[in-house]
Amino acid sequence: MDLNPIGMPRHAAAMHRGVLLAVLSHDHRFAKRIVEEARRRRLEVVHVNSREDIPLTAKAVIMKRGEFPGITADKVVEAEATQSPASVVDKAIEKAFMIEKVAKALVAVDPGKKTGLAYYADNVLLRTETLYDYDVLAEHVADFFRNHPESVHHVVMGAGAPIYREHLTKSLLSKMPDLREENIFTVPEGNSTRLARGRDELAAAVIHRMWSRGIKRS
């Protein structure tokens, strides 16, 4: 399953500036998928075939589990065969920011006919995307939460578009039985769309900002 973010807010791009990821693998198909995912997020990334070629400035090194058994380091991220490229790059960003244990995995949502999402590990923005299909959206959110099994899982939605919000809530709860309704919150959208200049995934990031400032409805 490939998750396809379509861009990052400027403050996220600034946050990730200088973060270099290295993909260490002889599997070129695997490496290509990870590199493409990282570049979608405007991250610097290189593919190397040997340990000696890893740049000293790399903040995280991604490799397939078991491919290089002799390599262990704090900045290594070992990818499982079943992991999506998005979840692998998420973990690499967390490693780059030295987040060893994510206390809260949070998805901010701007609901509507097309829905913007922003994914956070604690207060670090990992990625954004815009989706049209609620079943696909629920699977993406479920994949994100599966990638953080020991974290508290929160979904924060803008309070606008109540019909879409209710439909989305039902989709999320049906896809994730462990997600509790009390962990789905709403915040007033205010002028989030204007601040985001009409881009839904950016509006989701604005909604998270309102949430973090304590502007809540429920």
N, C-alpha and C. Protein backbone atom coordinates (compact mmCIF):
# COMPACT_ATOMS: atom_id res chain seq x y z
N MET A 1 0.85 -1.19 0.00
CA MET A 1 0.00 0.00 0.00
C MET A 1 0.88 1.23 0.00
N ASP A 2 0.69 2.10 -1.00
CA ASP A 2 1.45 3.33 -1.09
C ASP A 2 0.61 4.49 -0.61
N LEU A 3 1.17 5.31 0.28
CA LEU A 3 0.50 6.51 0.74
C LEU A 3 1.17 7.70 0.05
N ASN A 4 0.36 8.60 -0.50
CA ASN A 4 0.90 9.60 -1.40
C ASN A 4 0.63 11.03 -0.93
N PRO A 5 1.41 11.58 -0.01
CA PRO A 5 1.27 12.97 0.37
C PRO A 5 1.48 13.86 -0.85
N ILE A 6 0.78 15.00 -0.88
CA ILE A 6 0.88 15.86 -2.07
C ILE A 6 1.61 17.16 -1.80
N GLY A 7 2.21 17.31 -0.64
CA GLY A 7 2.95 18.55 -0.40
C GLY A 7 3.09 18.80 1.08
N MET A 8 3.92 19.75 1.46
CA MET A 8 4.13 20.08 2.85
C MET A 8 4.00 21.58 3.04
N PRO A 9 3.40 22.02 4.16
CA PRO A 9 3.36 23.44 4.45
C PRO A 9 4.76 24.02 4.54
N ARG A 10 4.87 25.32 4.31
CA ARG A 10 6.18 25.94 4.32
C ARG A 10 6.89 25.76 5.64
N HIS A 11 6.13 25.87 6.78
CA HIS A 11 6.81 25.74 8.07
C HIS A 11 7.32 24.32 8.27
N ALA A 12 6.66 23.34 7.65
CA ALA A 12 7.15 21.96 7.75
C ALA A 12 8.41 21.79 6.92
N ALA A 13 8.40 22.38 5.72
CA ALA A 13 9.59 22.30 4.88
C ALA A 13 10.77 22.96 5.58
N ALA A 14 10.50 24.07 6.27
CA ALA A 14 11.57 24.74 7.02
C ALA A 14 12.04 23.87 8.19
N MET A 15 11.09 23.20 8.83
CA MET A 15 11.42 22.33 9.96
C MET A 15 12.32 21.19 9.51
N HIS A 16 12.07 20.68 8.29
CA HIS A 16 12.81 19.53 7.79
C HIS A 16 14.07 19.92 7.02
N ARG A 17 14.30 21.22 6.87
CA ARG A 17 15.48 21.66 6.12
C ARG A 17 16.75 21.19 6.83
N GLY A 18 17.66 20.64 6.05
CA GLY A 18 18.90 20.15 6.63
C GLY A 18 18.82 18.72 7.12
N VAL A 19 17.62 18.11 7.03
CA VAL A 19 17.46 16.71 7.42
C VAL A 19 17.78 15.84 6.22
N LEU A 20 18.90 15.14 6.27
CA LEU A 20 19.32 14.24 5.19
C LEU A 20 19.06 12.80 5.60
N LEU A 21 18.34 12.08 4.75
CA LEU A 21 18.10 10.67 4.97
C LEU A 21 18.93 9.85 3.99
N ALA A 22 19.40 8.70 4.44
CA ALA A 22 20.13 7.77 3.56
C ALA A 22 19.36 6.46 3.52
N VAL A 23 19.24 5.89 2.33
CA VAL A 23 18.63 4.57 2.16
C VAL A 23 19.73 3.61 1.78
N LEU A 24 20.01 2.65 2.66
CA LEU A 24 21.07 1.67 2.45
C LEU A 24 20.43 0.34 2.05
N SER A 25 20.57 -0.03 0.77
CA SER A 25 19.95 -1.27 0.33
C SER A 25 20.46 -1.67 -1.05
N HIS A 26 20.55 -2.99 -1.25
CA HIS A 26 20.85 -3.52 -2.57
C HIS A 26 19.57 -3.74 -3.37
N ASP A 27 18.44 -3.60 -2.70
CA ASP A 27 17.14 -3.78 -3.35
C ASP A 27 16.72 -2.45 -3.95
N HIS A 28 16.90 -2.29 -5.24
CA HIS A 28 16.66 -1.00 -5.88
C HIS A 28 15.18 -0.65 -5.92
N ARG A 29 14.32 -1.64 -5.98
CA ARG A 29 12.88 -1.36 -5.97
C ARG A 29 12.47 -0.79 -4.62
N PHE A 30 12.95 -1.41 -3.56
CA PHE A 30 12.68 -0.91 -2.21
C PHE A 30 13.21 0.51 -2.06
N ALA A 31 14.46 0.71 -2.47
CA ALA A 31 15.09 2.02 -2.31
C ALA A 31 14.34 3.09 -3.10
N LYS A 32 13.93 2.76 -4.31
CA LYS A 32 13.22 3.72 -5.15
C LYS A 32 11.93 4.19 -4.49
N ARG A 33 11.19 3.26 -3.90
CA ARG A 33 9.92 3.62 -3.25
C ARG A 33 10.16 4.54 -2.06
N ILE A 34 11.20 4.27 -1.30
CA ILE A 34 11.49 5.12 -0.14
C ILE A 34 11.98 6.49 -0.59
N VAL A 35 12.85 6.52 -1.58
CA VAL A 35 13.37 7.79 -2.09
C VAL A 35 12.25 8.65 -2.65
N GLU A 36 11.36 8.05 -3.41
CA GLU A 36 10.24 8.80 -3.98
C GLU A 36 9.35 9.37 -2.88
N GLU A 37 9.09 8.57 -1.85
CA GLU A 37 8.26 9.04 -0.74
C GLU A 37 8.93 10.21 -0.02
N ALA A 38 10.23 10.11 0.22
CA ALA A 38 10.94 11.19 0.90
C ALA A 38 10.94 12.47 0.06
N ARG A 39 11.12 12.32 -1.24
CA ARG A 39 11.17 13.50 -2.11
C ARG A 39 9.82 14.17 -2.24
N ARG A 40 8.73 13.41 -2.11
CA ARG A 40 7.40 14.02 -2.09
C ARG A 40 7.28 15.02 -0.96
N ARG A 41 8.02 14.75 0.11
CA ARG A 41 7.97 15.63 1.27
C ARG A 41 9.06 16.70 1.24
N ARG A 42 9.76 16.77 0.11
CA ARG A 42 10.84 17.74 -0.07
C ARG A 42 12.00 17.49 0.89
N LEU A 43 12.19 16.24 1.22
CA LEU A 43 13.32 15.86 2.06
C LEU A 43 14.55 15.56 1.21
N GLU A 44 15.71 15.82 1.75
CA GLU A 44 16.95 15.40 1.09
C GLU A 44 17.16 13.91 1.37
N VAL A 45 17.43 13.14 0.33
CA VAL A 45 17.58 11.71 0.51
C VAL A 45 18.57 11.18 -0.53
N VAL A 46 19.39 10.20 -0.12
CA VAL A 46 20.33 9.55 -1.04
C VAL A 46 20.20 8.05 -0.89
N HIS A 47 20.44 7.34 -1.98
CA HIS A 47 20.46 5.89 -1.96
C HIS A 47 21.91 5.43 -2.08
N VAL A 48 22.35 4.60 -1.13
CA VAL A 48 23.71 4.08 -1.16
C VAL A 48 23.67 2.55 -1.06
N ASN A 49 24.76 1.93 -1.52
CA ASN A 49 24.82 0.46 -1.55
C ASN A 49 25.74 -0.13 -0.50
N SER A 50 26.52 0.71 0.17
CA SER A 50 27.44 0.18 1.18
C SER A 50 27.50 1.13 2.37
N ARG A 51 27.91 0.57 3.49
CA ARG A 51 28.01 1.36 4.71
C ARG A 51 28.98 2.52 4.55
N GLU A 52 30.04 2.29 3.79
CA GLU A 52 31.07 3.32 3.62
C GLU A 52 30.55 4.54 2.87
N ASP A 53 29.47 4.37 2.12
CA ASP A 53 28.93 5.47 1.31
C ASP A 53 27.89 6.31 2.06
N ILE A 54 27.55 5.93 3.28
CA ILE A 54 26.56 6.70 4.04
C ILE A 54 27.16 8.06 4.39
N PRO A 55 26.51 9.16 4.01
CA PRO A 55 27.04 10.48 4.37
C PRO A 55 27.10 10.66 5.88
N LEU A 56 28.16 11.28 6.34
CA LEU A 56 28.30 11.52 7.78
C LEU A 56 27.20 12.43 8.30
N THR A 57 26.64 13.25 7.41
CA THR A 57 25.61 14.21 7.81
C THR A 57 24.20 13.61 7.81
N ALA A 58 24.07 12.34 7.44
CA ALA A 58 22.74 11.71 7.42
C ALA A 58 22.18 11.64 8.83
N LYS A 59 20.94 12.09 8.99
CA LYS A 59 20.28 12.08 10.30
C LYS A 59 19.61 10.75 10.61
N ALA A 60 19.32 9.99 9.54
CA ALA A 60 18.73 8.66 9.73
C ALA A 60 19.11 7.80 8.54
N VAL A 61 19.27 6.51 8.80
CA VAL A 61 19.64 5.55 7.75
C VAL A 61 18.55 4.49 7.69
N ILE A 62 17.93 4.35 6.53
CA ILE A 62 16.84 3.39 6.34
C ILE A 62 17.39 2.15 5.62
N MET A 63 17.07 0.98 6.15
CA MET A 63 17.46 -0.25 5.47
C MET A 63 16.45 -1.34 5.78
N LYS A 64 16.40 -2.36 4.93
CA LYS A 64 15.48 -3.47 5.13
C LYS A 64 15.97 -4.32 6.30
N ARG A 65 15.01 -4.75 7.11
CA ARG A 65 15.37 -5.58 8.25
C ARG A 65 16.09 -6.84 7.78
N GLY A 66 17.26 -7.09 8.36
CA GLY A 66 18.02 -8.29 8.06
C GLY A 66 18.96 -8.18 6.88
N GLU A 67 18.90 -7.08 6.12
CA GLU A 67 19.76 -6.99 4.94
C GLU A 67 21.21 -6.73 5.31
N PHE A 68 21.44 -5.94 6.35
CA PHE A 68 22.80 -5.64 6.82
C PHE A 68 22.85 -5.94 8.32
N PRO A 69 22.92 -7.21 8.71
CA PRO A 69 22.81 -7.59 10.12
C PRO A 69 23.92 -7.03 11.00
N GLY A 70 25.05 -6.68 10.43
CA GLY A 70 26.15 -6.20 11.26
C GLY A 70 26.09 -4.71 11.56
N ILE A 71 25.12 -4.03 10.99
CA ILE A 71 25.06 -2.58 11.18
C ILE A 71 24.03 -2.25 12.25
N THR A 72 24.49 -1.62 13.30
CA THR A 72 23.60 -1.12 14.36
C THR A 72 24.06 0.27 14.73
N ALA A 73 23.12 1.16 14.85
CA ALA A 73 23.42 2.53 15.24
C ALA A 73 22.13 3.20 15.68
N ASP A 74 22.27 4.26 16.46
CA ASP A 74 21.08 4.95 16.96
C ASP A 74 20.23 5.52 15.85
N LYS A 75 20.86 5.86 14.72
CA LYS A 75 20.08 6.52 13.66
C LYS A 75 19.58 5.56 12.59
N VAL A 76 19.67 4.25 12.83
CA VAL A 76 19.20 3.25 11.86
C VAL A 76 17.70 3.01 12.05
N VAL A 77 16.99 2.98 10.92
CA VAL A 77 15.58 2.60 10.88
C VAL A 77 15.47 1.34 10.03
N GLU A 78 15.07 0.23 10.63
CA GLU A 78 14.93 -1.02 9.90
C GLU A 78 13.47 -1.16 9.45
N ALA A 79 13.28 -1.30 8.15
CA ALA A 79 11.94 -1.37 7.58
C ALA A 79 11.47 -2.81 7.46
N GLU A 80 10.25 -3.06 7.88
CA GLU A 80 9.64 -4.36 7.69
C GLU A 80 9.11 -4.46 6.27
N ALA A 81 9.02 -5.67 5.76
CA ALA A 81 8.55 -5.88 4.39
C ALA A 81 7.12 -5.41 4.19
N THR A 82 6.33 -5.45 5.27
CA THR A 82 4.92 -5.09 5.16
C THR A 82 4.66 -3.59 5.35
N GLN A 83 5.67 -2.83 5.72
CA GLN A 83 5.46 -1.41 5.98
C GLN A 83 5.30 -0.62 4.69
N SER A 84 4.42 0.37 4.73
CA SER A 84 4.28 1.28 3.60
C SER A 84 5.47 2.24 3.58
N PRO A 85 5.84 2.75 2.40
CA PRO A 85 6.91 3.74 2.34
C PRO A 85 6.64 4.95 3.24
N ALA A 86 5.38 5.35 3.33
CA ALA A 86 5.05 6.51 4.17
C ALA A 86 5.39 6.24 5.63
N SER A 87 5.06 5.05 6.13
CA SER A 87 5.32 4.75 7.54
C SER A 87 6.82 4.64 7.81
N VAL A 88 7.58 4.16 6.81
CA VAL A 88 9.03 4.05 6.97
C VAL A 88 9.66 5.44 7.06
N VAL A 89 9.25 6.33 6.16
CA VAL A 89 9.80 7.69 6.17
C VAL A 89 9.35 8.43 7.43
N ASP A 90 8.13 8.18 7.90
CA ASP A 90 7.69 8.76 9.17
C ASP A 90 8.69 8.42 10.28
N LYS A 91 9.03 7.13 10.37
CA LYS A 91 9.95 6.70 11.43
C LYS A 91 11.34 7.31 11.25
N ALA A 92 11.75 7.49 10.00
CA ALA A 92 13.05 8.11 9.76
C ALA A 92 13.07 9.56 10.21
N ILE A 93 11.98 10.29 9.98
CA ILE A 93 11.90 11.68 10.44
C ILE A 93 11.92 11.71 11.97
N GLU A 94 11.19 10.81 12.60
CA GLU A 94 11.21 10.76 14.06
C GLU A 94 12.63 10.48 14.57
N LYS A 95 13.32 9.58 13.90
CA LYS A 95 14.70 9.29 14.29
C LYS A 95 15.58 10.51 14.10
N ALA A 96 15.37 11.24 13.00
CA ALA A 96 16.16 12.44 12.73
C ALA A 96 15.95 13.50 13.80
N PHE A 97 14.74 13.55 14.36
CA PHE A 97 14.44 14.52 15.42
C PHE A 97 14.66 13.91 16.80
N MET A 98 15.28 12.73 16.83
CA MET A 98 15.65 12.06 18.08
C MET A 98 14.43 11.78 18.97
N ILE A 99 13.32 11.43 18.33
CA ILE A 99 12.13 11.02 19.07
C ILE A 99 12.18 9.51 19.21
N GLU A 100 12.56 9.03 20.36
CA GLU A 100 12.69 7.59 20.57
C GLU A 100 11.36 6.93 20.85
N LYS A 101 10.47 7.64 21.52
CA LYS A 101 9.16 7.09 21.84
C LYS A 101 8.13 8.19 21.67
N VAL A 102 7.20 7.99 20.75
CA VAL A 102 6.17 8.98 20.47
C VAL A 102 5.07 8.86 21.51
N ALA A 103 4.86 9.90 22.28
CA ALA A 103 3.82 9.86 23.30
C ALA A 103 2.43 9.96 22.67
N LYS A 104 2.30 10.84 21.65
CA LYS A 104 1.00 11.05 21.03
C LYS A 104 1.13 11.06 19.51
N ALA A 105 0.42 10.14 18.87
CA ALA A 105 0.30 10.14 17.41
C ALA A 105 -1.03 10.79 17.07
N LEU A 106 -0.97 11.88 16.33
CA LEU A 106 -2.16 12.69 16.10
C LEU A 106 -2.35 12.97 14.62
N VAL A 107 -3.59 12.87 14.17
CA VAL A 107 -3.94 13.23 12.80
C VAL A 107 -4.93 14.38 12.85
N ALA A 108 -4.57 15.51 12.26
CA ALA A 108 -5.48 16.65 12.14
C ALA A 108 -6.18 16.57 10.80
N VAL A 109 -7.49 16.85 10.80
CA VAL A 109 -8.32 16.64 9.61
C VAL A 109 -9.16 17.87 9.31
N ASP A 110 -9.15 18.28 8.05
CA ASP A 110 -10.05 19.32 7.56
C ASP A 110 -11.09 18.61 6.69
N PRO A 111 -12.25 18.24 7.27
CA PRO A 111 -13.20 17.40 6.54
C PRO A 111 -13.94 18.16 5.45
N GLY A 112 -14.34 17.41 4.43
CA GLY A 112 -15.09 17.99 3.32
C GLY A 112 -15.15 17.01 2.18
N LYS A 113 -15.65 17.47 1.02
CA LYS A 113 -15.69 16.59 -0.15
C LYS A 113 -14.29 16.10 -0.50
N LYS A 114 -13.32 16.99 -0.40
CA LYS A 114 -11.92 16.57 -0.39
C LYS A 114 -11.36 16.94 0.97
N THR A 115 -10.66 16.03 1.57
CA THR A 115 -10.28 16.14 2.98
C THR A 115 -8.78 16.27 3.13
N GLY A 116 -8.36 17.29 3.85
CA GLY A 116 -6.94 17.48 4.14
C GLY A 116 -6.56 16.81 5.44
N LEU A 117 -5.37 16.22 5.47
CA LEU A 117 -4.87 15.58 6.68
C LEU A 117 -3.44 16.01 6.94
N ALA A 118 -3.10 16.11 8.22
CA ALA A 118 -1.73 16.40 8.66
C ALA A 118 -1.40 15.42 9.78
N TYR A 119 -0.26 14.76 9.66
CA TYR A 119 0.14 13.69 10.59
C TYR A 119 1.26 14.18 11.49
N TYR A 120 1.09 13.98 12.80
CA TYR A 120 2.06 14.47 13.78
C TYR A 120 2.54 13.36 14.71
N ALA A 121 3.83 13.39 15.01
CA ALA A 121 4.41 12.59 16.09
C ALA A 121 4.77 13.59 17.18
N ASP A 122 4.00 13.57 18.26
CA ASP A 122 4.07 14.64 19.25
C ASP A 122 3.84 15.96 18.51
N ASN A 123 4.76 16.89 18.54
CA ASN A 123 4.52 18.17 17.84
C ASN A 123 5.31 18.28 16.54
N VAL A 124 5.85 17.18 16.05
CA VAL A 124 6.60 17.21 14.80
C VAL A 124 5.66 16.81 13.65
N LEU A 125 5.51 17.71 12.68
CA LEU A 125 4.70 17.42 11.50
C LEU A 125 5.47 16.50 10.57
N LEU A 126 4.91 15.33 10.31
CA LEU A 126 5.58 14.33 9.49
C LEU A 126 5.22 14.46 8.01
N ARG A 127 3.93 14.69 7.73
CA ARG A 127 3.49 14.76 6.34
C ARG A 127 2.07 15.29 6.27
N THR A 128 1.65 15.65 5.07
CA THR A 128 0.28 16.06 4.80
C THR A 128 -0.21 15.39 3.52
N GLU A 129 -1.51 15.35 3.36
CA GLU A 129 -2.09 14.82 2.13
C GLU A 129 -3.53 15.28 2.00
N THR A 130 -4.06 15.20 0.79
CA THR A 130 -5.47 15.46 0.53
C THR A 130 -6.08 14.23 -0.13
N LEU A 131 -7.22 13.78 0.41
CA LEU A 131 -7.87 12.56 -0.09
C LEU A 131 -9.35 12.83 -0.36
N TYR A 132 -9.93 12.02 -1.24
CA TYR A 132 -11.33 12.15 -1.61
C TYR A 132 -12.18 10.98 -1.11
N ASP A 133 -11.57 9.83 -0.92
CA ASP A 133 -12.28 8.61 -0.55
C ASP A 133 -12.12 8.36 0.95
N TYR A 134 -13.24 8.27 1.68
CA TYR A 134 -13.16 8.12 3.13
C TYR A 134 -12.67 6.75 3.55
N ASP A 135 -12.93 5.72 2.75
CA ASP A 135 -12.41 4.40 3.08
C ASP A 135 -10.89 4.38 2.97
N VAL A 136 -10.36 5.01 1.91
CA VAL A 136 -8.91 5.12 1.75
C VAL A 136 -8.34 5.96 2.89
N LEU A 137 -9.02 7.05 3.21
CA LEU A 137 -8.57 7.92 4.30
C LEU A 137 -8.48 7.15 5.61
N ALA A 138 -9.51 6.39 5.92
CA ALA A 138 -9.51 5.63 7.17
C ALA A 138 -8.37 4.62 7.20
N GLU A 139 -8.05 4.02 6.05
CA GLU A 139 -6.94 3.06 5.99
C GLU A 139 -5.61 3.76 6.20
N HIS A 140 -5.46 4.96 5.66
CA HIS A 140 -4.22 5.72 5.85
C HIS A 140 -4.02 6.07 7.33
N VAL A 141 -5.11 6.51 7.97
CA VAL A 141 -5.02 6.86 9.39
C VAL A 141 -4.73 5.60 10.21
N ALA A 142 -5.39 4.50 9.86
CA ALA A 142 -5.15 3.24 10.58
C ALA A 142 -3.70 2.80 10.43
N ASP A 143 -3.15 2.96 9.23
CA ASP A 143 -1.74 2.60 8.99
C ASP A 143 -0.82 3.45 9.86
N PHE A 144 -1.14 4.73 9.97
CA PHE A 144 -0.33 5.64 10.79
C PHE A 144 -0.38 5.22 12.26
N PHE A 145 -1.56 4.89 12.75
CA PHE A 145 -1.68 4.48 14.15
C PHE A 145 -1.04 3.11 14.40
N ARG A 146 -1.14 2.20 13.42
CA ARG A 146 -0.46 0.90 13.57
C ARG A 146 1.04 1.09 13.67
N ASN A 147 1.55 2.11 13.04
CA ASN A 147 2.99 2.40 13.08
C ASN A 147 3.41 2.99 14.42
N HIS A 148 2.43 3.33 15.27
CA HIS A 148 2.70 3.89 16.60
C HIS A 148 1.84 3.16 17.63
N PRO A 149 2.07 1.86 17.82
CA PRO A 149 1.18 1.05 18.66
C PRO A 149 1.19 1.43 20.13
N GLU A 150 2.27 2.02 20.62
CA GLU A 150 2.36 2.34 22.05
C GLU A 150 2.01 3.79 22.34
N SER A 151 1.62 4.54 21.33
CA SER A 151 1.30 5.96 21.51
C SER A 151 -0.19 6.14 21.80
N VAL A 152 -0.53 7.27 22.40
CA VAL A 152 -1.93 7.69 22.48
C VAL A 152 -2.35 8.16 21.09
N HIS A 153 -3.52 7.74 20.65
CA HIS A 153 -3.99 8.08 19.31
C HIS A 153 -5.10 9.13 19.39
N HIS A 154 -4.88 10.27 18.75
CA HIS A 154 -5.87 11.33 18.71
C HIS A 154 -6.16 11.72 17.27
N VAL A 155 -7.44 12.02 17.01
CA VAL A 155 -7.86 12.62 15.74
C VAL A 155 -8.50 13.95 16.08
N VAL A 156 -8.06 15.01 15.42
CA VAL A 156 -8.59 16.36 15.65
C VAL A 156 -9.18 16.85 14.33
N MET A 157 -10.50 17.16 14.36
CA MET A 157 -11.19 17.58 13.15
C MET A 157 -11.66 19.02 13.27
N GLY A 158 -11.69 19.69 12.12
CA GLY A 158 -12.35 20.98 12.06
C GLY A 158 -13.84 20.80 12.23
N ALA A 159 -14.49 21.76 12.89
CA ALA A 159 -15.90 21.62 13.23
C ALA A 159 -16.83 21.92 12.06
N GLY A 160 -16.31 22.43 10.95
CA GLY A 160 -17.15 22.73 9.80
C GLY A 160 -17.58 21.45 9.09
N ALA A 161 -18.45 21.60 8.09
CA ALA A 161 -18.93 20.48 7.26
C ALA A 161 -19.39 19.30 8.12
N PRO A 162 -20.42 19.49 8.96
CA PRO A 162 -20.82 18.43 9.91
C PRO A 162 -21.21 17.11 9.26
N ILE A 163 -21.82 17.15 8.07
CA ILE A 163 -22.22 15.90 7.42
C ILE A 163 -20.97 15.08 7.07
N TYR A 164 -19.97 15.75 6.49
CA TYR A 164 -18.73 15.06 6.16
C TYR A 164 -18.02 14.59 7.43
N ARG A 165 -18.05 15.41 8.46
CA ARG A 165 -17.35 15.06 9.71
C ARG A 165 -17.97 13.82 10.34
N GLU A 166 -19.31 13.75 10.35
CA GLU A 166 -19.98 12.59 10.93
C GLU A 166 -19.69 11.32 10.12
N HIS A 167 -19.71 11.46 8.81
CA HIS A 167 -19.41 10.31 7.94
C HIS A 167 -17.98 9.83 8.18
N LEU A 168 -17.07 10.78 8.28
CA LEU A 168 -15.66 10.44 8.49
C LEU A 168 -15.48 9.76 9.85
N THR A 169 -16.14 10.27 10.88
CA THR A 169 -16.03 9.67 12.21
C THR A 169 -16.47 8.21 12.18
N LYS A 170 -17.58 7.93 11.49
CA LYS A 170 -18.06 6.55 11.38
C LYS A 170 -17.06 5.67 10.65
N SER A 171 -16.46 6.21 9.59
CA SER A 171 -15.47 5.43 8.82
C SER A 171 -14.27 5.09 9.68
N LEU A 172 -13.79 6.06 10.45
CA LEU A 172 -12.62 5.85 11.30
C LEU A 172 -12.90 4.81 12.38
N LEU A 173 -14.06 4.93 13.04
CA LEU A 173 -14.40 4.00 14.13
C LEU A 173 -14.62 2.59 13.60
N SER A 174 -15.17 2.46 12.40
CA SER A 174 -15.40 1.13 11.85
C SER A 174 -14.08 0.48 11.42
N LYS A 175 -13.13 1.29 10.96
CA LYS A 175 -11.85 0.76 10.52
C LYS A 175 -10.92 0.45 11.69
N MET A 176 -11.08 1.19 12.79
CA MET A 176 -10.18 1.06 13.94
C MET A 176 -10.99 0.83 15.21
N PRO A 177 -11.30 -0.41 15.53
CA PRO A 177 -12.10 -0.70 16.73
C PRO A 177 -11.46 -0.19 18.01
N ASP A 178 -10.12 -0.07 18.03
CA ASP A 178 -9.44 0.38 19.24
C ASP A 178 -9.48 1.89 19.41
N LEU A 179 -9.88 2.62 18.37
CA LEU A 179 -9.97 4.07 18.46
C LEU A 179 -11.27 4.43 19.18
N ARG A 180 -11.15 5.17 20.26
CA ARG A 180 -12.33 5.54 21.04
C ARG A 180 -12.89 6.87 20.56
N GLU A 181 -14.20 6.98 20.62
CA GLU A 181 -14.85 8.21 20.15
C GLU A 181 -14.41 9.41 20.96
N GLU A 182 -14.08 9.18 22.24
CA GLU A 182 -13.63 10.31 23.08
C GLU A 182 -12.23 10.78 22.69
N ASN A 183 -11.54 10.05 21.83
CA ASN A 183 -10.23 10.48 21.34
C ASN A 183 -10.33 11.17 19.98
N ILE A 184 -11.56 11.45 19.54
CA ILE A 184 -11.80 12.24 18.34
C ILE A 184 -12.35 13.59 18.78
N PHE A 185 -11.61 14.64 18.51
CA PHE A 185 -11.95 15.97 18.99
C PHE A 185 -12.27 16.89 17.82
N THR A 186 -13.02 17.95 18.11
CA THR A 186 -13.29 18.96 17.10
C THR A 186 -12.82 20.32 17.59
N VAL A 187 -12.41 21.15 16.66
CA VAL A 187 -12.02 22.53 16.99
C VAL A 187 -12.71 23.45 15.99
N PRO A 188 -13.04 24.68 16.39
CA PRO A 188 -13.61 25.63 15.44
C PRO A 188 -12.62 25.88 14.30
N GLU A 189 -13.12 25.85 13.07
CA GLU A 189 -12.22 26.04 11.93
C GLU A 189 -11.82 27.50 11.76
N GLY A 190 -12.71 28.41 12.20
CA GLY A 190 -12.37 29.83 12.09
C GLY A 190 -11.99 30.19 10.66
N ASN A 191 -10.82 30.78 10.51
CA ASN A 191 -10.36 31.19 9.17
C ASN A 191 -9.24 30.27 8.67
N SER A 192 -9.33 28.98 9.05
CA SER A 192 -8.26 28.05 8.67
C SER A 192 -8.13 27.93 7.15
N THR A 193 -9.28 27.92 6.44
CA THR A 193 -9.21 27.79 4.98
C THR A 193 -8.54 29.01 4.36
N ARG A 194 -8.88 30.20 4.88
CA ARG A 194 -8.25 31.41 4.34
C ARG A 194 -6.76 31.41 4.63
N LEU A 195 -6.38 31.03 5.85
CA LEU A 195 -4.96 31.00 6.19
C LEU A 195 -4.21 29.98 5.33
N ALA A 196 -4.90 28.90 4.96
CA ALA A 196 -4.28 27.86 4.15
C ALA A 196 -4.39 28.15 2.65
N ARG A 197 -5.02 29.27 2.31
CA ARG A 197 -5.17 29.66 0.90
C ARG A 197 -5.85 28.58 0.08
N GLY A 198 -6.85 27.94 0.72
CA GLY A 198 -7.67 26.97 0.00
C GLY A 198 -7.08 25.59 -0.11
N ARG A 199 -5.90 25.36 0.40
CA ARG A 199 -5.27 24.03 0.31
C ARG A 199 -5.66 23.21 1.53
N ASP A 200 -6.37 22.11 1.28
CA ASP A 200 -6.99 21.36 2.37
C ASP A 200 -5.98 20.77 3.34
N GLU A 201 -4.84 20.27 2.82
CA GLU A 201 -3.86 19.67 3.72
C GLU A 201 -3.21 20.74 4.60
N LEU A 202 -3.13 21.98 4.11
CA LEU A 202 -2.58 23.05 4.93
C LEU A 202 -3.60 23.49 5.97
N ALA A 203 -4.89 23.46 5.59
CA ALA A 203 -5.94 23.78 6.55
C ALA A 203 -5.91 22.80 7.72
N ALA A 204 -5.60 21.53 7.44
CA ALA A 204 -5.48 20.54 8.51
C ALA A 204 -4.36 20.91 9.47
N ALA A 205 -3.25 21.42 8.93
CA ALA A 205 -2.13 21.85 9.79
C ALA A 205 -2.54 23.05 10.64
N VAL A 206 -3.35 23.95 10.07
CA VAL A 206 -3.84 25.10 10.84
C VAL A 206 -4.75 24.62 11.97
N ILE A 207 -5.59 23.61 11.68
CA ILE A 207 -6.46 23.05 12.71
C ILE A 207 -5.64 22.47 13.86
N HIS A 208 -4.54 21.80 13.53
CA HIS A 208 -3.67 21.30 14.60
C HIS A 208 -3.10 22.44 15.43
N ARG A 209 -2.75 23.53 14.77
CA ARG A 209 -2.20 24.68 15.50
C ARG A 209 -3.23 25.23 16.48
N MET A 210 -4.50 25.30 16.05
CA MET A 210 -5.56 25.76 16.95
C MET A 210 -5.72 24.80 18.13
N TRP A 211 -5.65 23.51 17.82
CA TRP A 211 -5.75 22.49 18.88
C TRP A 211 -4.64 22.66 19.89
N SER A 212 -3.43 22.84 19.42
CA SER A 212 -2.27 22.94 20.32
C SER A 212 -2.34 24.20 21.17
N ARG A 213 -3.08 25.20 20.70
CA ARG A 213 -3.25 26.43 21.49
C ARG A 213 -4.43 26.34 22.45
N GLY A 214 -5.09 25.19 22.46
CA GLY A 214 -6.17 24.98 23.42
C GLY A 214 -7.53 25.43 22.96
N ILE A 215 -7.69 25.66 21.64
CA ILE A 215 -8.99 26.06 21.11
C ILE A 215 -9.75 24.79 20.75
N LYS A 216 -10.69 24.39 21.61
CA LYS A 216 -11.35 23.10 21.43
C LYS A 216 -12.87 23.27 21.56
N ARG A 217 -13.59 22.34 20.94
CA ARG A 217 -15.03 22.27 21.13
C ARG A 217 -15.41 21.07 21.98
N SER A 218 -14.73 19.94 21.76
CA SER A 218 -15.08 18.74 22.52
C SER A 218 -13.90 17.81 22.56
